[in-house]
Every structure is written in C-alpha cells, then in structure tokens.
Amino acid sequence: YTISRVLLLSDLNSRTPVSIEPGSIQSILSGDGENSGFIQYIKDEASINHDSLIYTSGSGGLFKPGIPIGKINKSNNKNEVNFFIDFTQLRYVKVASYIEKEN
C-alpha cells in the first residue's frame, strides 16, 4: 500500500485523452520519451492553431476534465505539446484521488 507506479505524460507509453482549445477538439496526447509530447489521432478536418491550449478531457475516467497540460507548438508540420511543467525539476508529485459517484 505504500508503493505506487508513476507514468509521466512525457513517457513513451503514455496515452492521455485530451481536449484542445479553442474548439473542444478531442484527441490523444502521447509522450515522446523526452520532455514533451505530441497530438495523435485527430480528425483531418480539425484545425489546430499554434499556441492552442491542451486540457484533460475526462474521457476514460482516469483524470477529471479541465486540468491544464500544455500548449501546442506547431513545428515541422507536427503538433508538438510543450508541457506547463518542467519534468527535470520534478521532485514531488501530487496524487489526485477522487471517488466516482455511482448512478
């Protein structure tokens, strides 16, 4: 009960449902194994702007919706995400725990 596994958003195995604003565009954020991520699985007709903001979408039930993640940096025709947090400065994590209400 005293051990946890932490998977950073930047991890290669990380896949997080996100919402891109403005426009509430639903997508998946994948880690690149370094200190950033990239947007995957987005509809072709969706238009993403440089400096669009990324938030958790709440899909999948792992994270509550609306948690700020980062900004889009359109470079080389890729939708790279610069996280708001610098993972090299990470010493402590905050565990967000909540109980899902039953219907």
PDB file of N, CA and C in Angstrom:
ATOM      1  N   TYR A   1       0.805  -1.203   0.000  1.00  0.00           N
ATOM      2  CA  TYR A   1       0.000   0.000   0.000  1.00  0.00           C
ATOM      3  C   TYR A   1       0.848   1.267   0.000  1.00  0.00           C
ATOM      4  N   THR A   2       2.147   1.119   0.164  1.00  0.00           N
ATOM      5  CA  THR A   2       2.999   2.292   0.231  1.00  0.00           C
ATOM      6  C   THR A   2       3.813   2.509  -1.031  1.00  0.00           C
ATOM      7  N   ILE A   3       3.546   1.723  -2.074  1.00  0.00           N
ATOM      8  CA  ILE A   3       4.293   1.846  -3.325  1.00  0.00           C
ATOM      9  C   ILE A   3       3.325   2.188  -4.456  1.00  0.00           C
ATOM     10  N   SER A   4       3.746   3.109  -5.313  1.00  0.00           N
ATOM     11  CA  SER A   4       2.925   3.492  -6.463  1.00  0.00           C
ATOM     12  C   SER A   4       3.784   3.511  -7.713  1.00  0.00           C
ATOM     13  N   ARG A   5       3.156   3.321  -8.840  1.00  0.00           N
ATOM     14  CA  ARG A   5       3.835   3.453 -10.122  1.00  0.00           C
ATOM     15  C   ARG A   5       3.375   4.756 -10.741  1.00  0.00           C
ATOM     16  N   VAL A   6       4.327   5.571 -11.190  1.00  0.00           N
ATOM     17  CA  VAL A   6       4.008   6.864 -11.776  1.00  0.00           C
ATOM     18  C   VAL A   6       4.377   6.826 -13.250  1.00  0.00           C
ATOM     19  N   LEU A   7       3.450   7.203 -14.091  1.00  0.00           N
ATOM     20  CA  LEU A   7       3.692   7.289 -15.528  1.00  0.00           C
ATOM     21  C   LEU A   7       3.549   8.755 -15.928  1.00  0.00           C
ATOM     22  N   LEU A   8       4.654   9.378 -16.312  1.00  0.00           N
ATOM     23  CA  LEU A   8       4.619  10.787 -16.701  1.00  0.00           C
ATOM     24  C   LEU A   8       3.940  10.950 -18.055  1.00  0.00           C
ATOM     25  N   LEU A   9       3.372  12.106 -18.284  1.00  0.00           N
ATOM     26  CA  LEU A   9       2.750  12.399 -19.579  1.00  0.00           C
ATOM     27  C   LEU A   9       3.760  12.324 -20.717  1.00  0.00           C
ATOM     28  N   SER A  10       5.025  12.540 -20.416  1.00  0.00           N
ATOM     29  CA  SER A  10       6.064  12.524 -21.449  1.00  0.00           C
ATOM     30  C   SER A  10       6.597  11.121 -21.735  1.00  0.00           C
ATOM     31  N   ASP A  11       6.172  10.119 -20.974  1.00  0.00           N
ATOM     32  CA  ASP A  11       6.624   8.744 -21.168  1.00  0.00           C
ATOM     33  C   ASP A  11       6.161   8.201 -22.519  1.00  0.00           C
ATOM     34  N   LEU A  12       7.003   7.386 -23.167  1.00  0.00           N
ATOM     35  CA  LEU A  12       6.661   6.801 -24.471  1.00  0.00           C
ATOM     36  C   LEU A  12       5.378   5.968 -24.420  1.00  0.00           C
ATOM     37  N   ASN A  13       5.073   5.392 -23.277  1.00  0.00           N
ATOM     38  CA  ASN A  13       3.892   4.543 -23.136  1.00  0.00           C
ATOM     39  C   ASN A  13       2.641   5.306 -22.720  1.00  0.00           C
ATOM     40  N   SER A  14       2.762   6.603 -22.539  1.00  0.00           N
ATOM     41  CA  SER A  14       1.642   7.410 -22.074  1.00  0.00           C
ATOM     42  C   SER A  14       0.702   7.772 -23.226  1.00  0.00           C
ATOM     43  N   ARG A  15      -0.586   7.556 -23.033  1.00  0.00           N
ATOM     44  CA  ARG A  15      -1.639   7.959 -23.974  1.00  0.00           C
ATOM     45  C   ARG A  15      -2.767   8.555 -23.136  1.00  0.00           C
ATOM     46  N   THR A  16      -3.001   9.852 -23.286  1.00  0.00           N
ATOM     47  CA  THR A  16      -3.973  10.557 -22.457  1.00  0.00           C
ATOM     48  C   THR A  16      -5.010  11.245 -23.330  1.00  0.00           C
ATOM     49  N   PRO A  17      -6.312  10.991 -23.094  1.00  0.00           N
ATOM     50  CA  PRO A  17      -7.348  11.714 -23.833  1.00  0.00           C
ATOM     51  C   PRO A  17      -7.342  13.189 -23.440  1.00  0.00           C
ATOM     52  N   VAL A  18      -7.309  14.058 -24.444  1.00  0.00           N
ATOM     53  CA  VAL A  18      -7.233  15.496 -24.182  1.00  0.00           C
ATOM     54  C   VAL A  18      -8.259  16.262 -25.002  1.00  0.00           C
ATOM     55  N   SER A  19      -8.462  17.500 -24.598  1.00  0.00           N
ATOM     56  CA  SER A  19      -9.312  18.442 -25.318  1.00  0.00           C
ATOM     57  C   SER A  19      -8.440  19.632 -25.704  1.00  0.00           C
ATOM     58  N   ILE A  20      -8.501  20.020 -26.970  1.00  0.00           N
ATOM     59  CA  ILE A  20      -7.699  21.130 -27.475  1.00  0.00           C
ATOM     60  C   ILE A  20      -8.608  22.343 -27.615  1.00  0.00           C
ATOM     61  N   GLU A  21      -8.196  23.441 -27.015  1.00  0.00           N
ATOM     62  CA  GLU A  21      -8.989  24.676 -27.036  1.00  0.00           C
ATOM     63  C   GLU A  21      -8.259  25.756 -27.814  1.00  0.00           C
ATOM     64  N   PRO A  22      -8.932  26.600 -28.554  1.00  0.00           N
ATOM     65  CA  PRO A  22     -10.385  26.670 -28.689  1.00  0.00           C
ATOM     66  C   PRO A  22     -10.907  25.590 -29.636  1.00  0.00           C
ATOM     67  N   GLY A  23     -12.170  25.286 -29.474  1.00  0.00           N
ATOM     68  CA  GLY A  23     -12.844  24.361 -30.369  1.00  0.00           C
ATOM     69  C   GLY A  23     -13.223  23.039 -29.751  1.00  0.00           C
ATOM     70  N   SER A  24     -12.772  22.752 -28.538  1.00  0.00           N
ATOM     71  CA  SER A  24     -13.063  21.479 -27.864  1.00  0.00           C
ATOM     72  C   SER A  24     -12.761  20.275 -28.760  1.00  0.00           C
ATOM     73  N   ILE A  25     -11.610  20.290 -29.419  1.00  0.00           N
ATOM     74  CA  ILE A  25     -11.198  19.203 -30.310  1.00  0.00           C
ATOM     75  C   ILE A  25     -10.690  18.060 -29.450  1.00  0.00           C
ATOM     76  N   GLN A  26     -11.271  16.878 -29.628  1.00  0.00           N
ATOM     77  CA  GLN A  26     -10.883  15.707 -28.852  1.00  0.00           C
ATOM     78  C   GLN A  26      -9.742  14.973 -29.552  1.00  0.00           C
ATOM     79  N   SER A  27      -8.751  14.550 -28.762  1.00  0.00           N
ATOM     80  CA  SER A  27      -7.585  13.894 -29.332  1.00  0.00           C
ATOM     81  C   SER A  27      -6.892  13.058 -28.267  1.00  0.00           C
ATOM     82  N   ILE A  28      -5.750  12.486 -28.644  1.00  0.00           N
ATOM     83  CA  ILE A  28      -4.923  11.706 -27.726  1.00  0.00           C
ATOM     84  C   ILE A  28      -3.545  12.352 -27.662  1.00  0.00           C
ATOM     85  N   LEU A  29      -3.050  12.566 -26.452  1.00  0.00           N
ATOM     86  CA  LEU A  29      -1.705  13.086 -26.230  1.00  0.00           C
ATOM     87  C   LEU A  29      -0.785  11.914 -25.933  1.00  0.00           C
ATOM     88  N   SER A  30       0.303  11.806 -26.681  1.00  0.00           N
ATOM     89  CA  SER A  30       1.302  10.766 -26.472  1.00  0.00           C
ATOM     90  C   SER A  30       2.608  11.394 -26.047  1.00  0.00           C
ATOM     91  N   GLY A  31       3.344  10.700 -25.197  1.00  0.00           N
ATOM     92  CA  GLY A  31       4.651  11.184 -24.781  1.00  0.00           C
ATOM     93  C   GLY A  31       5.706  10.850 -25.812  1.00  0.00           C
ATOM     94  N   ASP A  32       6.792  11.623 -25.817  1.00  0.00           N
ATOM     95  CA  ASP A  32       7.871  11.373 -26.772  1.00  0.00           C
ATOM     96  C   ASP A  32       9.114  10.772 -26.114  1.00  0.00           C
ATOM     97  N   GLY A  33       9.039  10.492 -24.814  1.00  0.00           N
ATOM     98  CA  GLY A  33      10.170   9.925 -24.106  1.00  0.00           C
ATOM     99  C   GLY A  33      11.170  10.961 -23.627  1.00  0.00           C
ATOM    100  N   GLU A  34      10.960  12.203 -23.973  1.00  0.00           N
ATOM    101  CA  GLU A  34      11.845  13.298 -23.556  1.00  0.00           C
ATOM    102  C   GLU A  34      11.064  14.208 -22.612  1.00  0.00           C
ATOM    103  N   ASN A  35      10.952  15.486 -22.949  1.00  0.00           N
ATOM    104  CA  ASN A  35      10.242  16.438 -22.092  1.00  0.00           C
ATOM    105  C   ASN A  35       9.068  17.096 -22.794  1.00  0.00           C
ATOM    106  N   SER A  36       8.525  16.450 -23.798  1.00  0.00           N
ATOM    107  CA  SER A  36       7.354  16.997 -24.482  1.00  0.00           C
ATOM    108  C   SER A  36       6.483  15.842 -24.969  1.00  0.00           C
ATOM    109  N   GLY A  37       5.419  16.186 -25.658  1.00  0.00           N
ATOM    110  CA  GLY A  37       4.511  15.180 -26.192  1.00  0.00           C
ATOM    111  C   GLY A  37       4.038  15.608 -27.558  1.00  0.00           C
ATOM    112  N   PHE A  38       3.136  14.828 -28.146  1.00  0.00           N
ATOM    113  CA  PHE A  38       2.580  15.176 -29.436  1.00  0.00           C
ATOM    114  C   PHE A  38       1.153  14.674 -29.531  1.00  0.00           C
ATOM    115  N   ILE A  39       0.394  15.340 -30.382  1.00  0.00           N
ATOM    116  CA  ILE A  39      -1.013  15.027 -30.573  1.00  0.00           C
ATOM    117  C   ILE A  39      -1.150  13.926 -31.625  1.00  0.00           C
ATOM    118  N   GLN A  40      -1.944  12.912 -31.296  1.00  0.00           N
ATOM    119  CA  GLN A  40      -2.224  11.814 -32.214  1.00  0.00           C
ATOM    120  C   GLN A  40      -3.729  11.653 -32.359  1.00  0.00           C
ATOM    121  N   TYR A  41      -4.102  10.960 -33.406  1.00  0.00           N
ATOM    122  CA  TYR A  41      -5.497  10.568 -33.617  1.00  0.00           C
ATOM    123  C   TYR A  41      -6.458  11.745 -33.590  1.00  0.00           C
ATOM    124  N   ILE A  42      -6.259  12.641 -34.521  1.00  0.00           N
ATOM    125  CA  ILE A  42      -7.128  13.809 -34.623  1.00  0.00           C
ATOM    126  C   ILE A  42      -7.817  13.773 -35.984  1.00  0.00           C
ATOM    127  N   LYS A  43      -9.042  14.256 -36.038  1.00  0.00           N
ATOM    128  CA  LYS A  43      -9.765  14.275 -37.303  1.00  0.00           C
ATOM    129  C   LYS A  43      -9.091  15.218 -38.293  1.00  0.00           C
ATOM    130  N   ASP A  44      -9.078  14.832 -39.562  1.00  0.00           N
ATOM    131  CA  ASP A  44      -8.409  15.619 -40.594  1.00  0.00           C
ATOM    132  C   ASP A  44      -8.972  17.028 -40.727  1.00  0.00           C
ATOM    133  N   GLU A  45     -10.273  17.174 -40.536  1.00  0.00           N
ATOM    134  CA  GLU A  45     -10.880  18.489 -40.728  1.00  0.00           C
ATOM    135  C   GLU A  45     -10.688  19.418 -39.526  1.00  0.00           C
ATOM    136  N   ALA A  46     -10.169  18.881 -38.432  1.00  0.00           N
ATOM    137  CA  ALA A  46      -9.953  19.709 -37.243  1.00  0.00           C
ATOM    138  C   ALA A  46      -8.770  20.641 -37.471  1.00  0.00           C
ATOM    139  N   SER A  47      -8.963  21.904 -37.120  1.00  0.00           N
ATOM    140  CA  SER A  47      -7.924  22.914 -37.289  1.00  0.00           C
ATOM    141  C   SER A  47      -7.323  23.267 -35.940  1.00  0.00           C
ATOM    142  N   ILE A  48      -6.025  22.985 -35.801  1.00  0.00           N
ATOM    143  CA  ILE A  48      -5.328  23.292 -34.562  1.00  0.00           C
ATOM    144  C   ILE A  48      -4.423  24.486 -34.796  1.00  0.00           C
ATOM    145  N   ASN A  49      -4.532  25.478 -33.938  1.00  0.00           N
ATOM    146  CA  ASN A  49      -3.722  26.689 -34.044  1.00  0.00           C
ATOM    147  C   ASN A  49      -2.444  26.563 -33.225  1.00  0.00           C
ATOM    148  N   HIS A  50      -1.429  27.320 -33.643  1.00  0.00           N
ATOM    149  CA  HIS A  50      -0.225  27.445 -32.834  1.00  0.00           C
ATOM    150  C   HIS A  50      -0.627  28.106 -31.520  1.00  0.00           C
ATOM    151  N   ASP A  51      -0.118  27.644 -30.422  1.00  0.00           N
ATOM    152  CA  ASP A  51      -0.430  28.147 -29.079  1.00  0.00           C
ATOM    153  C   ASP A  51      -1.818  27.752 -28.577  1.00  0.00           C
ATOM    154  N   SER A  52      -2.467  26.749 -29.211  1.00  0.00           N
ATOM    155  CA  SER A  52      -3.711  26.225 -28.652  1.00  0.00           C
ATOM    156  C   SER A  52      -3.392  25.562 -27.318  1.00  0.00           C
ATOM    157  N   LEU A  53      -4.322  25.605 -26.399  1.00  0.00           N
ATOM    158  CA  LEU A  53      -4.124  25.039 -25.074  1.00  0.00           C
ATOM    159  C   LEU A  53      -4.670  23.623 -24.998  1.00  0.00           C
ATOM    160  N   ILE A  54      -3.982  22.779 -24.221  1.00  0.00           N
ATOM    161  CA  ILE A  54      -4.356  21.380 -24.063  1.00  0.00           C
ATOM    162  C   ILE A  54      -4.822  21.161 -22.625  1.00  0.00           C
ATOM    163  N   TYR A  55      -5.982  20.503 -22.476  1.00  0.00           N
ATOM    164  CA  TYR A  55      -6.545  20.163 -21.170  1.00  0.00           C
ATOM    165  C   TYR A  55      -6.931  18.688 -21.164  1.00  0.00           C
ATOM    166  N   THR A  56      -7.008  18.094 -19.980  1.00  0.00           N
ATOM    167  CA  THR A  56      -7.545  16.740 -19.906  1.00  0.00           C
ATOM    168  C   THR A  56      -9.014  16.787 -20.314  1.00  0.00           C
ATOM    169  N   SER A  57      -9.463  15.729 -20.997  1.00  0.00           N
ATOM    170  CA  SER A  57     -10.844  15.720 -21.483  1.00  0.00           C
ATOM    171  C   SER A  57     -11.797  15.023 -20.522  1.00  0.00           C
ATOM    172  N   GLY A  58     -11.275  14.173 -19.665  1.00  0.00           N
ATOM    173  CA  GLY A  58     -12.136  13.413 -18.766  1.00  0.00           C
ATOM    174  C   GLY A  58     -12.579  12.093 -19.373  1.00  0.00           C
ATOM    175  N   SER A  59     -12.340  11.886 -20.666  1.00  0.00           N
ATOM    176  CA  SER A  59     -12.688  10.615 -21.307  1.00  0.00           C
ATOM    177  C   SER A  59     -11.809   9.512 -20.724  1.00  0.00           C
ATOM    178  N   GLY A  60     -12.381   8.362 -20.534  1.00  0.00           N
ATOM    179  CA  GLY A  60     -11.627   7.256 -19.971  1.00  0.00           C
ATOM    180  C   GLY A  60     -11.703   7.194 -18.458  1.00  0.00           C
ATOM    181  N   GLY A  61     -12.080   8.293 -17.804  1.00  0.00           N
ATOM    182  CA  GLY A  61     -12.303   8.297 -16.371  1.00  0.00           C
ATOM    183  C   GLY A  61     -11.060   8.341 -15.496  1.00  0.00           C
ATOM    184  N   LEU A  62      -9.858   8.462 -16.080  1.00  0.00           N
ATOM    185  CA  LEU A  62      -8.647   8.488 -15.268  1.00  0.00           C
ATOM    186  C   LEU A  62      -8.400   9.860 -14.649  1.00  0.00           C
ATOM    187  N   PHE A  63      -8.594  10.926 -15.445  1.00  0.00           N
ATOM    188  CA  PHE A  63      -8.408  12.293 -14.965  1.00  0.00           C
ATOM    189  C   PHE A  63      -9.718  13.044 -15.056  1.00  0.00           C
ATOM    190  N   LYS A  64      -9.908  13.986 -14.132  1.00  0.00           N
ATOM    191  CA  LYS A  64     -11.066  14.871 -14.238  1.00  0.00           C
ATOM    192  C   LYS A  64     -10.858  15.792 -15.430  1.00  0.00           C
ATOM    193  N   PRO A  65     -11.917  16.256 -16.086  1.00  0.00           N
ATOM    194  CA  PRO A  65     -11.762  17.162 -17.229  1.00  0.00           C
ATOM    195  C   PRO A  65     -11.294  18.550 -16.799  1.00  0.00           C
ATOM    196  N   GLY A  66     -10.525  19.191 -17.678  1.00  0.00           N
ATOM    197  CA  GLY A  66     -10.139  20.587 -17.474  1.00  0.00           C
ATOM    198  C   GLY A  66      -8.818  20.829 -16.781  1.00  0.00           C
ATOM    199  N   ILE A  67      -8.022  19.796 -16.547  1.00  0.00           N
ATOM    200  CA  ILE A  67      -6.706  20.000 -15.927  1.00  0.00           C
ATOM    201  C   ILE A  67      -5.757  20.508 -17.013  1.00  0.00           C
ATOM    202  N   PRO A  68      -5.131  21.685 -16.831  1.00  0.00           N
ATOM    203  CA  PRO A  68      -4.228  22.223 -17.861  1.00  0.00           C
ATOM    204  C   PRO A  68      -2.980  21.350 -18.029  1.00  0.00           C
ATOM    205  N   ILE A  69      -2.621  21.093 -19.296  1.00  0.00           N
ATOM    206  CA  ILE A  69      -1.462  20.247 -19.586  1.00  0.00           C
ATOM    207  C   ILE A  69      -0.347  21.031 -20.266  1.00  0.00           C
ATOM    208  N   GLY A  70      -0.671  21.775 -21.331  1.00  0.00           N
ATOM    209  CA  GLY A  70       0.376  22.488 -22.058  1.00  0.00           C
ATOM    210  C   GLY A  70      -0.156  23.255 -23.243  1.00  0.00           C
ATOM    211  N   LYS A  71       0.775  23.658 -24.123  1.00  0.00           N
ATOM    212  CA  LYS A  71       0.466  24.434 -25.331  1.00  0.00           C
ATOM    213  C   LYS A  71       0.976  23.714 -26.559  1.00  0.00           C
ATOM    214  N   ILE A  72       0.258  23.900 -27.667  1.00  0.00           N
ATOM    215  CA  ILE A  72       0.689  23.347 -28.962  1.00  0.00           C
ATOM    216  C   ILE A  72       1.824  24.198 -29.518  1.00  0.00           C
ATOM    217  N   ASN A  73       2.824  23.531 -30.051  1.00  0.00           N
ATOM    218  CA  ASN A  73       3.910  24.181 -30.769  1.00  0.00           C
ATOM    219  C   ASN A  73       3.985  23.515 -32.143  1.00  0.00           C
ATOM    220  N   LYS A  74       3.411  24.174 -33.147  1.00  0.00           N
ATOM    221  CA  LYS A  74       3.407  23.595 -34.492  1.00  0.00           C
ATOM    222  C   LYS A  74       4.785  23.782 -35.116  1.00  0.00           C
ATOM    223  N   SER A  75       5.527  22.676 -35.226  1.00  0.00           N
ATOM    224  CA  SER A  75       6.846  22.733 -35.846  1.00  0.00           C
ATOM    225  C   SER A  75       7.004  21.520 -36.756  1.00  0.00           C
ATOM    226  N   ASN A  76       7.540  21.752 -37.936  1.00  0.00           N
ATOM    227  CA  ASN A  76       7.756  20.687 -38.920  1.00  0.00           C
ATOM    228  C   ASN A  76       6.467  19.911 -39.210  1.00  0.00           C
ATOM    229  N   ASN A  77       5.350  20.625 -39.266  1.00  0.00           N
ATOM    230  CA  ASN A  77       4.047  20.017 -39.550  1.00  0.00           C
ATOM    231  C   ASN A  77       3.624  19.012 -38.484  1.00  0.00           C
ATOM    232  N   LYS A  78       4.196  19.102 -37.292  1.00  0.00           N
ATOM    233  CA  LYS A  78       3.830  18.242 -36.180  1.00  0.00           C
ATOM    234  C   LYS A  78       3.153  19.079 -35.116  1.00  0.00           C
ATOM    235  N   ASN A  79       2.239  18.471 -34.398  1.00  0.00           N
ATOM    236  CA  ASN A  79       1.565  19.140 -33.292  1.00  0.00           C
ATOM    237  C   ASN A  79       2.243  18.746 -31.990  1.00  0.00           C
ATOM    238  N   GLU A  80       3.402  19.339 -31.728  1.00  0.00           N
ATOM    239  CA  GLU A  80       4.153  19.062 -30.515  1.00  0.00           C
ATOM    240  C   GLU A  80       3.514  19.815 -29.352  1.00  0.00           C
ATOM    241  N   VAL A  81       3.544  19.211 -28.182  1.00  0.00           N
ATOM    242  CA  VAL A  81       2.978  19.828 -26.982  1.00  0.00           C
ATOM    243  C   VAL A  81       4.107  20.155 -26.017  1.00  0.00           C
ATOM    244  N   ASN A  82       4.205  21.433 -25.658  1.00  0.00           N
ATOM    245  CA  ASN A  82       5.130  21.871 -24.613  1.00  0.00           C
ATOM    246  C   ASN A  82       4.357  21.890 -23.306  1.00  0.00           C
ATOM    247  N   PHE A  83       4.765  21.041 -22.371  1.00  0.00           N
ATOM    248  CA  PHE A  83       4.061  20.934 -21.099  1.00  0.00           C
ATOM    249  C   PHE A  83       4.287  22.173 -20.246  1.00  0.00           C
ATOM    250  N   PHE A  84       3.312  22.476 -19.400  1.00  0.00           N
ATOM    251  CA  PHE A  84       3.441  23.593 -18.478  1.00  0.00           C
ATOM    252  C   PHE A  84       4.457  23.288 -17.370  1.00  0.00           C
ATOM    253  N   ILE A  85       4.722  22.014 -17.130  1.00  0.00           N
ATOM    254  CA  ILE A  85       5.656  21.615 -16.076  1.00  0.00           C
ATOM    255  C   ILE A  85       6.994  21.220 -16.693  1.00  0.00           C
ATOM    256  N   ASP A  86       8.063  21.515 -15.998  1.00  0.00           N
ATOM    257  CA  ASP A  86       9.397  21.091 -16.413  1.00  0.00           C
ATOM    258  C   ASP A  86       9.719  19.801 -15.661  1.00  0.00           C
ATOM    259  N   PHE A  87       9.674  18.662 -16.364  1.00  0.00           N
ATOM    260  CA  PHE A  87       9.848  17.373 -15.714  1.00  0.00           C
ATOM    261  C   PHE A  87      11.241  17.184 -15.120  1.00  0.00           C
ATOM    262  N   THR A  88      12.232  17.953 -15.560  1.00  0.00           N
ATOM    263  CA  THR A  88      13.570  17.835 -14.975  1.00  0.00           C
ATOM    264  C   THR A  88      13.614  18.434 -13.573  1.00  0.00           C
ATOM    265  N   GLN A  89      12.644  19.265 -13.242  1.00  0.00           N
ATOM    266  CA  GLN A  89      12.576  19.880 -11.922  1.00  0.00           C
ATOM    267  C   GLN A  89      11.628  19.137 -10.986  1.00  0.00           C
ATOM    268  N   LEU A  90      11.121  18.007 -11.431  1.00  0.00           N
ATOM    269  CA  LEU A  90      10.126  17.258 -10.674  1.00  0.00           C
ATOM    270  C   LEU A  90      10.773  16.509  -9.516  1.00  0.00           C
ATOM    271  N   ARG A  91      10.371  16.812  -8.317  1.00  0.00           N
ATOM    272  CA  ARG A  91      10.862  16.122  -7.126  1.00  0.00           C
ATOM    273  C   ARG A  91       9.712  15.433  -6.388  1.00  0.00           C
ATOM    274  N   TYR A  92       8.582  16.049  -6.396  1.00  0.00           N
ATOM    275  CA  TYR A  92       7.416  15.514  -5.710  1.00  0.00           C
ATOM    276  C   TYR A  92       6.239  15.499  -6.668  1.00  0.00           C
ATOM    277  N   VAL A  93       5.335  14.588  -6.452  1.00  0.00           N
ATOM    278  CA  VAL A  93       4.116  14.547  -7.257  1.00  0.00           C
ATOM    279  C   VAL A  93       2.914  14.704  -6.330  1.00  0.00           C
ATOM    280  N   LYS A  94       1.869  15.239  -6.880  1.00  0.00           N
ATOM    281  CA  LYS A  94       0.624  15.342  -6.139  1.00  0.00           C
ATOM    282  C   LYS A  94      -0.304  14.260  -6.683  1.00  0.00           C
ATOM    283  N   VAL A  95      -0.784  13.422  -5.824  1.00  0.00           N
ATOM    284  CA  VAL A  95      -1.682  12.358  -6.234  1.00  0.00           C
ATOM    285  C   VAL A  95      -3.103  12.880  -6.128  1.00  0.00           C
ATOM    286  N   ALA A  96      -3.772  12.931  -7.274  1.00  0.00           N
ATOM    287  CA  ALA A  96      -5.166  13.384  -7.301  1.00  0.00           C
ATOM    288  C   ALA A  96      -6.050  12.158  -7.208  1.00  0.00           C
ATOM    289  N   SER A  97      -6.772  12.053  -6.127  1.00  0.00           N
ATOM    290  CA  SER A  97      -7.633  10.889  -5.905  1.00  0.00           C
ATOM    291  C   SER A  97      -9.063  11.360  -5.691  1.00  0.00           C
ATOM    292  N   TYR A  98      -9.962  10.691  -6.322  1.00  0.00           N
ATOM    293  CA  TYR A  98     -11.370  11.015  -6.122  1.00  0.00           C
ATOM    294  C   TYR A  98     -12.214   9.751  -6.288  1.00  0.00           C
ATOM    295  N   ILE A  99     -13.376   9.767  -5.721  1.00  0.00           N
ATOM    296  CA  ILE A  99     -14.281   8.645  -5.805  1.00  0.00           C
ATOM    297  C   ILE A  99     -15.359   8.966  -6.820  1.00  0.00           C
ATOM    298  N   GLU A 100     -15.530   8.070  -7.761  1.00  0.00           N
ATOM    299  CA  GLU A 100     -16.544   8.263  -8.793  1.00  0.00           C
ATOM    300  C   GLU A 100     -17.920   7.956  -8.207  1.00  0.00           C
ATOM    301  N   LYS A 101     -18.857   8.863  -8.448  1.00  0.00           N
ATOM    302  CA  LYS A 101     -20.215   8.680  -7.938  1.00  0.00           C
ATOM    303  C   LYS A 101     -20.913   7.576  -8.712  1.00  0.00           C
ATOM    304  N   GLU A 102     -21.619   6.738  -7.996  1.00  0.00           N
ATOM    305  CA  GLU A 102     -22.394   5.685  -8.638  1.00  0.00           C
ATOM    306  C   GLU A 102     -23.731   6.238  -9.087  1.00  0.00           C
ATOM    307  N   ASN A 103     -24.221   5.737 -10.209  1.00  0.00           N
ATOM    308  CA  ASN A 103     -25.522   6.211 -10.733  1.00  0.00           C
ATOM    309  C   ASN A 103     -26.657   5.566 -10.016  1.00  0.00           C
TER     310      ASN A 103
END
